PDB file of N, CA and C in Angstrom:
ATOM      1  N   MET A   1      45.145 142.600  72.870  1.00  0.00           N
ATOM      2  CA  MET A   1      45.127 143.509  71.758  1.00  0.00           C
ATOM      3  C   MET A   1      45.410 142.704  70.487  1.00  0.00           C
ATOM      4  N   LYS A   2      44.605 142.886  69.474  1.00  0.00           N
ATOM      5  CA  LYS A   2      44.813 142.196  68.219  1.00  0.00           C
ATOM      6  C   LYS A   2      45.675 143.039  67.301  1.00  0.00           C
ATOM      7  N   TYR A   3      46.413 142.343  66.432  1.00  0.00           N
ATOM      8  CA  TYR A   3      47.273 143.019  65.482  1.00  0.00           C
ATOM      9  C   TYR A   3      46.921 142.557  64.082  1.00  0.00           C
ATOM     10  N   SER A   4      47.195 143.409  63.138  1.00  0.00           N
ATOM     11  CA  SER A   4      47.000 143.025  61.746  1.00  0.00           C
ATOM     12  C   SER A   4      48.173 143.551  60.940  1.00  0.00           C
ATOM     13  N   SER A   5      48.449 142.870  59.828  1.00  0.00           N
ATOM     14  CA  SER A   5      49.491 143.377  58.941  1.00  0.00           C
ATOM     15  C   SER A   5      48.895 144.481  58.091  1.00  0.00           C
ATOM     16  N   THR A   6      49.740 145.206  57.395  1.00  0.00           N
ATOM     17  CA  THR A   6      49.228 146.313  56.590  1.00  0.00           C
ATOM     18  C   THR A   6      48.429 145.809  55.397  1.00  0.00           C
ATOM     19  N   LYS A   7      48.615 144.546  55.005  1.00  0.00           N
ATOM     20  CA  LYS A   7      47.840 143.990  53.901  1.00  0.00           C
ATOM     21  C   LYS A   7      46.618 143.229  54.395  1.00  0.00           C
ATOM     22  N   GLY A   8      46.492 143.077  55.707  1.00  0.00           N
ATOM     23  CA  GLY A   8      45.303 142.465  56.261  1.00  0.00           C
ATOM     24  C   GLY A   8      45.343 140.951  56.373  1.00  0.00           C
ATOM     25  N   ASP A   9      46.443 140.303  56.011  1.00  0.00           N
ATOM     26  CA  ASP A   9      46.513 138.857  56.178  1.00  0.00           C
ATOM     27  C   ASP A   9      47.634 138.509  57.147  1.00  0.00           C
ATOM     28  N   ASP A  10      47.472 137.378  57.837  1.00  0.00           N
ATOM     29  CA  ASP A  10      48.432 136.995  58.874  1.00  0.00           C
ATOM     30  C   ASP A  10      49.747 136.492  58.320  1.00  0.00           C
ATOM     31  N   SER A  11      49.831 136.162  57.047  1.00  0.00           N
ATOM     32  CA  SER A  11      51.061 135.615  56.496  1.00  0.00           C
ATOM     33  C   SER A  11      51.997 136.698  55.971  1.00  0.00           C
ATOM     34  N   CYS A  12      51.591 137.916  56.010  1.00  0.00           N
ATOM     35  CA  CYS A  12      52.385 139.019  55.477  1.00  0.00           C
ATOM     36  C   CYS A  12      53.610 139.270  56.351  1.00  0.00           C
ATOM     37  N   PRO A  13      54.809 139.398  55.755  1.00  0.00           N
ATOM     38  CA  PRO A  13      56.005 139.619  56.555  1.00  0.00           C
ATOM     39  C   PRO A  13      56.190 141.054  57.027  1.00  0.00           C
ATOM     40  N   ILE A  14      55.288 141.929  56.704  1.00  0.00           N
ATOM     41  CA  ILE A  14      55.376 143.327  57.146  1.00  0.00           C
ATOM     42  C   ILE A  14      55.070 143.362  58.644  1.00  0.00           C
ATOM     43  N   PRO A  15      55.875 144.071  59.437  1.00  0.00           N
ATOM     44  CA  PRO A  15      55.620 144.111  60.880  1.00  0.00           C
ATOM     45  C   PRO A  15      54.191 144.529  61.187  1.00  0.00           C
ATOM     46  N   PRO A  16      53.586 143.895  62.175  1.00  0.00           N
ATOM     47  CA  PRO A  16      52.200 144.203  62.497  1.00  0.00           C
ATOM     48  C   PRO A  16      52.057 145.599  63.071  1.00  0.00           C
ATOM     49  N   ARG A  17      50.903 146.150  62.905  1.00  0.00           N
ATOM     50  CA  ARG A  17      50.586 147.448  63.488  1.00  0.00           C
ATOM     51  C   ARG A  17      49.331 147.272  64.321  1.00  0.00           C
ATOM     52  N   PRO A  18      49.168 148.066  65.337  1.00  0.00           N
ATOM     53  CA  PRO A  18      47.971 147.939  66.159  1.00  0.00           C
ATOM     54  C   PRO A  18      46.722 148.226  65.335  1.00  0.00           C
ATOM     55  N   ILE A  19      45.667 147.561  65.665  1.00  0.00           N
ATOM     56  CA  ILE A  19      44.379 147.839  65.040  1.00  0.00           C
ATOM     57  C   ILE A  19      43.954 149.228  65.491  1.00  0.00           C
ATOM     58  N   PRO A  20      43.346 149.988  64.624  1.00  0.00           N
ATOM     59  CA  PRO A  20      42.890 151.323  65.045  1.00  0.00           C
ATOM     60  C   PRO A  20      42.111 151.235  66.352  1.00  0.00           C
ATOM     61  N   GLY A  21      42.356 152.175  67.198  1.00  0.00           N
ATOM     62  CA  GLY A  21      41.701 152.182  68.492  1.00  0.00           C
ATOM     63  C   GLY A  21      42.683 152.013  69.634  1.00  0.00           C
ATOM     64  N   GLU A  22      43.963 151.836  69.293  1.00  0.00           N
ATOM     65  CA  GLU A  22      44.972 151.755  70.341  1.00  0.00           C
ATOM     66  C   GLU A  22      45.002 153.105  71.050  1.00  0.00           C
ATOM     67  N   SER A  23      44.968 153.046  72.356  1.00  0.00           N
ATOM     68  CA  SER A  23      44.960 154.298  73.107  1.00  0.00           C
ATOM     69  C   SER A  23      46.333 154.955  73.028  1.00  0.00           C
ATOM     70  N   PRO A  24      46.381 156.261  73.212  1.00  0.00           N
ATOM     71  CA  PRO A  24      47.674 156.949  73.217  1.00  0.00           C
ATOM     72  C   PRO A  24      48.625 156.393  74.275  1.00  0.00           C
ATOM     73  N   SER A  25      48.102 155.998  75.430  1.00  0.00           N
ATOM     74  CA  SER A  25      48.980 155.456  76.468  1.00  0.00           C
ATOM     75  C   SER A  25      49.543 154.096  76.067  1.00  0.00           C
ATOM     76  N   GLU A  26      48.773 153.278  75.369  1.00  0.00           N
ATOM     77  CA  GLU A  26      49.279 151.994  74.882  1.00  0.00           C
ATOM     78  C   GLU A  26      50.365 152.200  73.824  1.00  0.00           C
ATOM     79  N   ALA A  27      50.140 153.138  72.927  1.00  0.00           N
ATOM     80  CA  ALA A  27      51.130 153.434  71.892  1.00  0.00           C
ATOM     81  C   ALA A  27      52.413 153.977  72.517  1.00  0.00           C
ATOM     82  N   TRP A  28      52.270 154.857  73.502  1.00  0.00           N
ATOM     83  CA  TRP A  28      53.430 155.422  74.194  1.00  0.00           C
ATOM     84  C   TRP A  28      54.216 154.330  74.902  1.00  0.00           C
ATOM     85  N   LEU A  29      53.506 153.460  75.630  1.00  0.00           N
ATOM     86  CA  LEU A  29      54.164 152.385  76.361  1.00  0.00           C
ATOM     87  C   LEU A  29      54.903 151.445  75.403  1.00  0.00           C
ATOM     88  N   ARG A  30      54.305 151.146  74.267  1.00  0.00           N
ATOM     89  CA  ARG A  30      54.944 150.282  73.278  1.00  0.00           C
ATOM     90  C   ARG A  30      56.244 150.907  72.772  1.00  0.00           C
ATOM     91  N   ARG A  31      56.224 152.202  72.504  1.00  0.00           N
ATOM     92  CA  ARG A  31      57.428 152.903  72.042  1.00  0.00           C
ATOM     93  C   ARG A  31      58.490 152.954  73.134  1.00  0.00           C
ATOM     94  N   VAL A  32      58.088 153.234  74.358  1.00  0.00           N
ATOM     95  CA  VAL A  32      59.036 153.305  75.474  1.00  0.00           C
ATOM     96  C   VAL A  32      59.677 151.938  75.712  1.00  0.00           C
ATOM     97  N   LEU A  33      58.897 150.879  75.677  1.00  0.00           N
ATOM     98  CA  LEU A  33      59.447 149.540  75.884  1.00  0.00           C
ATOM     99  C   LEU A  33      60.441 149.171  74.786  1.00  0.00           C
ATOM    100  N   GLY A  34      60.135 149.531  73.564  1.00  0.00           N
ATOM    101  CA  GLY A  34      61.066 149.281  72.467  1.00  0.00           C
ATOM    102  C   GLY A  34      62.364 150.041  72.651  1.00  0.00           C
ATOM    103  N   ALA A  35      62.253 151.294  73.049  1.00  0.00           N
ATOM    104  CA  ALA A  35      63.447 152.110  73.275  1.00  0.00           C
ATOM    105  C   ALA A  35      64.256 151.582  74.462  1.00  0.00           C
ATOM    106  N   MET A  36      63.592 151.155  75.518  1.00  0.00           N
ATOM    107  CA  MET A  36      64.300 150.621  76.685  1.00  0.00           C
ATOM    108  C   MET A  36      65.020 149.320  76.346  1.00  0.00           C
ATOM    109  N   SER A  37      64.439 148.525  75.483  1.00  0.00           N
ATOM    110  CA  SER A  37      65.099 147.291  75.079  1.00  0.00           C
ATOM    111  C   SER A  37      66.424 147.597  74.392  1.00  0.00           C
ATOM    112  N   ILE A  38      66.417 148.577  73.509  1.00  0.00           N
ATOM    113  CA  ILE A  38      67.645 148.974  72.815  1.00  0.00           C
ATOM    114  C   ILE A  38      68.626 149.616  73.801  1.00  0.00           C
ATOM    115  N   PHE A  39      68.127 150.490  74.663  1.00  0.00           N
ATOM    116  CA  PHE A  39      68.980 151.160  75.644  1.00  0.00           C
ATOM    117  C   PHE A  39      69.671 150.155  76.559  1.00  0.00           C
ATOM    118  N   THR A  40      68.924 149.202  77.104  1.00  0.00           N
ATOM    119  CA  THR A  40      69.535 148.239  78.017  1.00  0.00           C
ATOM    120  C   THR A  40      70.495 147.302  77.279  1.00  0.00           C
ATOM    121  N   MET A  41      70.231 147.043  76.012  1.00  0.00           N
ATOM    122  CA  MET A  41      71.171 146.248  75.223  1.00  0.00           C
ATOM    123  C   MET A  41      72.489 147.015  75.082  1.00  0.00           C
ATOM    124  N   LEU A  42      72.402 148.291  74.786  1.00  0.00           N
ATOM    125  CA  LEU A  42      73.614 149.111  74.680  1.00  0.00           C
ATOM    126  C   LEU A  42      74.359 149.184  76.014  1.00  0.00           C
ATOM    127  N   MET A  43      73.634 149.172  77.113  1.00  0.00           N
ATOM    128  CA  MET A  43      74.259 149.214  78.431  1.00  0.00           C
ATOM    129  C   MET A  43      74.940 147.890  78.775  1.00  0.00           C
ATOM    130  N   THR A  44      74.653 146.834  78.032  1.00  0.00           N
ATOM    131  CA  THR A  44      75.290 145.536  78.244  1.00  0.00           C
ATOM    132  C   THR A  44      76.638 145.462  77.537  1.00  0.00           C
ATOM    133  N   VAL A  45      76.822 146.272  76.517  1.00  0.00           N
ATOM    134  CA  VAL A  45      78.063 146.236  75.733  1.00  0.00           C
ATOM    135  C   VAL A  45      79.302 146.463  76.609  1.00  0.00           C
ATOM    136  N   PRO A  46      79.302 147.391  77.575  1.00  0.00           N
ATOM    137  CA  PRO A  46      80.499 147.534  78.422  1.00  0.00           C
ATOM    138  C   PRO A  46      80.855 146.263  79.197  1.00  0.00           C
ATOM    139  N   GLN A  47      79.843 145.512  79.613  1.00  0.00           N
ATOM    140  CA  GLN A  47      80.109 144.248  80.311  1.00  0.00           C
ATOM    141  C   GLN A  47      80.821 143.270  79.383  1.00  0.00           C
ATOM    142  N   VAL A  48      80.351 143.176  78.160  1.00  0.00           N
ATOM    143  CA  VAL A  48      80.981 142.299  77.168  1.00  0.00           C
ATOM    144  C   VAL A  48      82.404 142.780  76.891  1.00  0.00           C
ATOM    145  N   TRP A  49      82.577 144.086  76.787  1.00  0.00           N
ATOM    146  CA  TRP A  49      83.901 144.675  76.523  1.00  0.00           C
ATOM    147  C   TRP A  49      84.902 144.316  77.634  1.00  0.00           C
ATOM    148  N   ILE A  50      84.474 144.492  78.875  1.00  0.00           N
ATOM    149  CA  ILE A  50      85.346 144.191  80.007  1.00  0.00           C
ATOM    150  C   ILE A  50      85.753 142.716  80.001  1.00  0.00           C
ATOM    151  N   ILE A  51      84.806 141.850  79.713  1.00  0.00           N
ATOM    152  CA  ILE A  51      85.111 140.419  79.722  1.00  0.00           C
ATOM    153  C   ILE A  51      86.049 140.044  78.580  1.00  0.00           C
ATOM    154  N   TRP A  52      85.742 140.484  77.373  1.00  0.00           N
ATOM    155  CA  TRP A  52      86.491 140.022  76.205  1.00  0.00           C
ATOM    156  C   TRP A  52      87.761 140.812  75.929  1.00  0.00           C
ATOM    157  N   ILE A  53      87.768 142.097  76.170  1.00  0.00           N
ATOM    158  CA  ILE A  53      88.968 142.899  75.922  1.00  0.00           C
ATOM    159  C   ILE A  53      89.872 142.907  77.150  1.00  0.00           C
ATOM    160  N   GLY A  54      89.270 143.064  78.327  1.00  0.00           N
ATOM    161  CA  GLY A  54      90.041 143.091  79.565  1.00  0.00           C
ATOM    162  C   GLY A  54      90.284 141.721  80.166  1.00  0.00           C
ATOM    163  N   HIS A  55      89.631 140.692  79.630  1.00  0.00           N
ATOM    164  CA  HIS A  55      89.763 139.322  80.138  1.00  0.00           C
ATOM    165  C   HIS A  55      89.458 139.242  81.628  1.00  0.00           C
ATOM    166  N   GLN A  56      88.442 139.988  82.045  1.00  0.00           N
ATOM    167  CA  GLN A  56      88.048 140.017  83.448  1.00  0.00           C
ATOM    168  C   GLN A  56      86.584 139.613  83.579  1.00  0.00           C
ATOM    169  N   ALA A  57      86.353 138.466  84.181  1.00  0.00           N
ATOM    170  CA  ALA A  57      84.981 138.005  84.384  1.00  0.00           C
ATOM    171  C   ALA A  57      84.689 137.741  85.856  1.00  0.00           C
ATOM    172  N   ALA A  58      85.578 138.191  86.729  1.00  0.00           N
ATOM    173  CA  ALA A  58      85.383 137.988  88.170  1.00  0.00           C
ATOM    174  C   ALA A  58      84.110 138.698  88.624  1.00  0.00           C
ATOM    175  N   GLY A  59      83.305 137.993  89.369  1.00  0.00           N
ATOM    176  CA  GLY A  59      82.080 138.578  89.909  1.00  0.00           C
ATOM    177  C   GLY A  59      80.892 138.540  88.975  1.00  0.00           C
ATOM    178  N   VAL A  60      81.069 138.063  87.753  1.00  0.00           N
ATOM    179  CA  VAL A  60      79.955 137.976  86.807  1.00  0.00           C
ATOM    180  C   VAL A  60      79.255 136.645  87.042  1.00  0.00           C
ATOM    181  N   SER A  61      77.968 136.680  87.273  1.00  0.00           N
ATOM    182  CA  SER A  61      77.206 135.492  87.621  1.00  0.00           C
ATOM    183  C   SER A  61      76.768 134.720  86.378  1.00  0.00           C
ATOM    184  N   LEU A  62      77.282 133.508  86.258  1.00  0.00           N
ATOM    185  CA  LEU A  62      76.878 132.635  85.164  1.00  0.00           C
ATOM    186  C   LEU A  62      75.397 132.286  85.282  1.00  0.00           C
ATOM    187  N   LEU A  63      74.919 132.107  86.500  1.00  0.00           N
ATOM    188  CA  LEU A  63      73.509 131.802  86.722  1.00  0.00           C
ATOM    189  C   LEU A  63      72.605 132.940  86.245  1.00  0.00           C
ATOM    190  N   SER A  64      72.963 134.172  86.587  1.00  0.00           N
ATOM    191  CA  SER A  64      72.154 135.328  86.162  1.00  0.00           C
ATOM    192  C   SER A  64      72.125 135.458  84.647  1.00  0.00           C
ATOM    193  N   TRP A  65      73.291 135.377  84.014  1.00  0.00           N
ATOM    194  CA  TRP A  65      73.344 135.545  82.564  1.00  0.00           C
ATOM    195  C   TRP A  65      72.696 134.368  81.847  1.00  0.00           C
ATOM    196  N   GLY A  66      72.734 133.180  82.451  1.00  0.00           N
ATOM    197  CA  GLY A  66      72.002 132.045  81.894  1.00  0.00           C
ATOM    198  C   GLY A  66      70.502 132.291  81.933  1.00  0.00           C
ATOM    199  N   ALA A  67      70.036 132.907  83.018  1.00  0.00           N
ATOM    200  CA  ALA A  67      68.610 133.256  83.125  1.00  0.00           C
ATOM    201  C   ALA A  67      68.234 134.322  82.099  1.00  0.00           C
ATOM    202  N   TYR A  68      69.113 135.299  81.877  1.00  0.00           N
ATOM    203  CA  TYR A  68      68.848 136.320  80.861  1.00  0.00           C
ATOM    204  C   TYR A  68      68.757 135.688  79.475  1.00  0.00           C
ATOM    205  N   LEU A  69      69.649 134.734  79.192  1.00  0.00           N
ATOM    206  CA  LEU A  69      69.617 134.050  77.902  1.00  0.00           C
ATOM    207  C   LEU A  69      68.333 133.252  77.753  1.00  0.00           C
ATOM    208  N   LEU A  70      67.948 132.529  78.777  1.00  0.00           N
ATOM    209  CA  LEU A  70      66.693 131.770  78.728  1.00  0.00           C
ATOM    210  C   LEU A  70      65.512 132.707  78.482  1.00  0.00           C
ATOM    211  N   SER A  71      65.499 133.839  79.155  1.00  0.00           N
ATOM    212  CA  SER A  71      64.427 134.814  78.967  1.00  0.00           C
ATOM    213  C   SER A  71      64.383 135.320  77.518  1.00  0.00           C
ATOM    214  N   ALA A  72      65.540 135.657  76.960  1.00  0.00           N
ATOM    215  CA  ALA A  72      65.590 136.146  75.577  1.00  0.00           C
ATOM    216  C   ALA A  72      65.101 135.077  74.609  1.00  0.00           C
ATOM    217  N   LEU A  73      65.488 133.827  74.836  1.00  0.00           N
ATOM    218  CA  LEU A  73      65.040 132.742  73.961  1.00  0.00           C
ATOM    219  C   LEU A  73      63.534 132.523  74.063  1.00  0.00           C
ATOM    220  N   LEU A  74      63.004 132.633  75.285  1.00  0.00           N
ATOM    221  CA  LEU A  74      61.547 132.498  75.451  1.00  0.00           C
ATOM    222  C   LEU A  74      60.794 133.635  74.773  1.00  0.00           C
ATOM    223  N   TRP A  75      61.299 134.873  74.895  1.00  0.00           N
ATOM    224  CA  TRP A  75      60.665 136.004  74.219  1.00  0.00           C
ATOM    225  C   TRP A  75      60.727 135.825  72.703  1.00  0.00           C
ATOM    226  N   PHE A  76      61.844 135.301  72.194  1.00  0.00           N
ATOM    227  CA  PHE A  76      61.981 135.056  70.757  1.00  0.00           C
ATOM    228  C   PHE A  76      60.961 134.018  70.305  1.00  0.00           C
ATOM    229  N   TRP A  77      60.848 132.944  71.064  1.00  0.00           N
ATOM    230  CA  TRP A  77      59.880 131.895  70.747  1.00  0.00           C
ATOM    231  C   TRP A  77      58.459 132.454  70.805  1.00  0.00           C
ATOM    232  N   TYR A  78      58.154 133.248  71.822  1.00  0.00           N
ATOM    233  CA  TYR A  78      56.826 133.862  71.949  1.00  0.00           C
ATOM    234  C   TYR A  78      56.534 134.768  70.752  1.00  0.00           C
ATOM    235  N   GLY A  79      57.525 135.567  70.365  1.00  0.00           N
ATOM    236  CA  GLY A  79      57.332 136.461  69.218  1.00  0.00           C
ATOM    237  C   GLY A  79      57.037 135.690  67.947  1.00  0.00           C
ATOM    238  N   LEU A  80      57.736 134.583  67.743  1.00  0.00           N
ATOM    239  CA  LEU A  80      57.465 133.754  66.564  1.00  0.00           C
ATOM    240  C   LEU A  80      56.091 133.108  66.645  1.00  0.00           C
ATOM    241  N   ALA A  81      55.780 132.520  67.798  1.00  0.00           N
ATOM    242  CA  ALA A  81      54.507 131.806  67.957  1.00  0.00           C
ATOM    243  C   ALA A  81      53.305 132.737  67.838  1.00  0.00           C
ATOM    244  N   GLN A  82      53.430 133.946  68.355  1.00  0.00           N
ATOM    245  CA  GLN A  82      52.319 134.898  68.346  1.00  0.00           C
ATOM    246  C   GLN A  82      52.352 135.846  67.149  1.00  0.00           C
ATOM    247  N   ARG A  83      53.353 135.658  66.297  1.00  0.00           N
ATOM    248  CA  ARG A  83      53.551 136.539  65.141  1.00  0.00           C
ATOM    249  C   ARG A  83      53.677 137.997  65.589  1.00  0.00           C
ATOM    250  N   ARG A  84      54.358 138.188  66.701  1.00  0.00           N
ATOM    251  CA  ARG A  84      54.603 139.527  67.238  1.00  0.00           C
ATOM    252  C   ARG A  84      55.950 139.979  66.707  1.00  0.00           C
ATOM    253  N   GLN A  85      55.966 140.398  65.468  1.00  0.00           N
ATOM    254  CA  GLN A  85      57.204 140.694  64.773  1.00  0.00           C
ATOM    255  C   GLN A  85      57.942 141.898  65.336  1.00  0.00           C
ATOM    256  N   GLU A  86      57.292 142.704  66.148  1.00  0.00           N
ATOM    257  CA  GLU A  86      57.998 143.838  66.725  1.00  0.00           C
ATOM    258  C   GLU A  86      59.027 143.382  67.758  1.00  0.00           C
ATOM    259  N   TYR A  87      58.895 142.158  68.287  1.00  0.00           N
ATOM    260  CA  TYR A  87      59.872 141.637  69.231  1.00  0.00           C
ATOM    261  C   TYR A  87      61.115 141.096  68.530  1.00  0.00           C
ATOM    262  N   LEU A  88      60.954 140.593  67.344  1.00  0.00           N
ATOM    263  CA  LEU A  88      61.986 139.794  66.695  1.00  0.00           C
ATOM    264  C   LEU A  88      63.273 140.534  66.322  1.00  0.00           C
ATOM    265  N   PRO A  89      63.254 141.777  65.869  1.00  0.00           N
ATOM    266  CA  PRO A  89      64.521 142.407  65.461  1.00  0.00           C
ATOM    267  C   PRO A  89      65.538 142.575  66.582  1.00  0.00           C
ATOM    268  N   ARG A  90      65.089 142.830  67.804  1.00  0.00           N
ATOM    269  CA  ARG A  90      66.021 143.075  68.908  1.00  0.00           C
ATOM    270  C   ARG A  90      66.499 141.787  69.576  1.00  0.00           C
ATOM    271  N   LEU A  91      65.745 140.738  69.504  1.00  0.00           N
ATOM    272  CA  LEU A  91      66.069 139.535  70.272  1.00  0.00           C
ATOM    273  C   LEU A  91      67.354 138.835  69.837  1.00  0.00           C
ATOM    274  N   PRO A  92      67.697 138.772  68.563  1.00  0.00           N
ATOM    275  CA  PRO A  92      69.014 138.189  68.234  1.00  0.00           C
ATOM    276  C   PRO A  92      70.170 138.965  68.876  1.00  0.00           C
ATOM    277  N   GLY A  93      70.015 140.263  69.014  1.00  0.00           N
ATOM    278  CA  GLY A  93      71.033 141.051  69.701  1.00  0.00           C
ATOM    279  C   GLY A  93      71.162 140.655  71.157  1.00  0.00           C
ATOM    280  N   TRP A  94      70.020 140.465  71.812  1.00  0.00           N
ATOM    281  CA  TRP A  94      70.051 140.040  73.208  1.00  0.00           C
ATOM    282  C   TRP A  94      70.667 138.659  73.347  1.00  0.00           C
ATOM    283  N   VAL A  95      70.275 137.740  72.483  1.00  0.00           N
ATOM    284  CA  VAL A  95      70.830 136.387  72.551  1.00  0.00           C
ATOM    285  C   VAL A  95      72.339 136.445  72.329  1.00  0.00           C
ATOM    286  N   GLY A  96      72.779 137.226  71.351  1.00  0.00           N
ATOM    287  CA  GLY A  96      74.210 137.344  71.079  1.00  0.00           C
ATOM    288  C   GLY A  96      74.989 137.914  72.250  1.00  0.00           C
ATOM    289  N   LEU A  97      74.457 138.967  72.874  1.00  0.00           N
ATOM    290  CA  LEU A  97      75.143 139.556  74.030  1.00  0.00           C
ATOM    291  C   LEU A  97      75.178 138.588  75.207  1.00  0.00           C
ATOM    292  N   ASP A  98      74.067 137.906  75.451  1.00  0.00           N
ATOM    293  CA  ASP A  98      74.023 136.946  76.555  1.00  0.00           C
ATOM    294  C   ASP A  98      75.021 135.811  76.332  1.00  0.00           C
ATOM    295  N   VAL A  99      75.064 135.294  75.109  1.00  0.00           N
ATOM    296  CA  VAL A  99      76.006 134.222  74.789  1.00  0.00           C
ATOM    297  C   VAL A  99      77.448 134.716  74.923  1.00  0.00           C
ATOM    298  N   ALA A 100      77.710 135.956  74.511  1.00  0.00           N
ATOM    299  CA  ALA A 100      79.060 136.520  74.634  1.00  0.00           C
ATOM    300  C   ALA A 100      79.488 136.600  76.094  1.00  0.00           C
ATOM    301  N   VAL A 101      78.587 137.040  76.969  1.00  0.00           N
ATOM    302  CA  VAL A 101      78.922 137.128  78.386  1.00  0.00           C
ATOM    303  C   VAL A 101      79.133 135.734  78.967  1.00  0.00           C
ATOM    304  N   ILE A 102      78.216 134.819  78.687  1.00  0.00           N
ATOM    305  CA  ILE A 102      78.316 133.461  79.232  1.00  0.00           C
ATOM    306  C   ILE A 102      79.605 132.780  78.769  1.00  0.00           C
ATOM    307  N   THR A 103      79.895 132.893  77.482  1.00  0.00           N
ATOM    308  CA  THR A 103      81.125 132.289  76.952  1.00  0.00           C
ATOM    309  C   THR A 103      82.355 132.917  77.585  1.00  0.00           C
ATOM    310  N   GLY A 104      82.344 134.236  77.732  1.00  0.00           N
ATOM    311  CA  GLY A 104      83.463 134.926  78.362  1.00  0.00           C
ATOM    312  C   GLY A 104      83.661 134.518  79.808  1.00  0.00           C
ATOM    313  N   VAL A 105      82.557 134.331  80.540  1.00  0.00           N
ATOM    314  CA  VAL A 105      82.660 133.894  81.939  1.00  0.00           C
ATOM    315  C   VAL A 105      83.256 132.491  82.005  1.00  0.00           C
ATOM    316  N   VAL A 106      82.845 131.619  81.112  1.00  0.00           N
ATOM    317  CA  VAL A 106      83.396 130.258  81.106  1.00  0.00           C
ATOM    318  C   VAL A 106      84.886 130.285  80.779  1.00  0.00           C
ATOM    319  N   ILE A 107      85.293 131.123  79.837  1.00  0.00           N
ATOM    320  CA  ILE A 107      86.709 131.169  79.424  1.00  0.00           C
ATOM    321  C   ILE A 107      87.567 131.913  80.449  1.00  0.00           C
ATOM    322  N   TYR A 108      87.114 133.086  80.887  1.00  0.00           N
ATOM    323  CA  TYR A 108      87.956 133.959  81.707  1.00  0.00           C
ATOM    324  C   TYR A 108      87.590 133.977  83.194  1.00  0.00           C
ATOM    325  N   GLY A 109      86.481 133.334  83.562  1.00  0.00           N
ATOM    326  CA  GLY A 109      85.995 133.423  84.932  1.00  0.00           C
ATOM    327  C   GLY A 109      86.594 132.503  85.918  1.00  0.00           C
TER     328      GLY A 109
END
């Protein structure tokens, strides 16, 4: 699927919008995926809270959270490389949460 900015040039910092012709199911899926990204990020906050406020990191897998961080960094890189600006606003949040968990596991685990 190709994207264009609202001004029609690739250098525009305005988030891209789908080219006319996006099917309703594609638009719906895009909205659902965006909402799920925010929802799952919010669901990660209790894990960070338990580690940093409760100082409890027992059972938290450093390997798993390292993989989550790698995934977030790859998605961030992909968003930059492909100029997929709809990915970029949420990814710093994911990187921050992943780093918070990893750091907490190293300190308290």
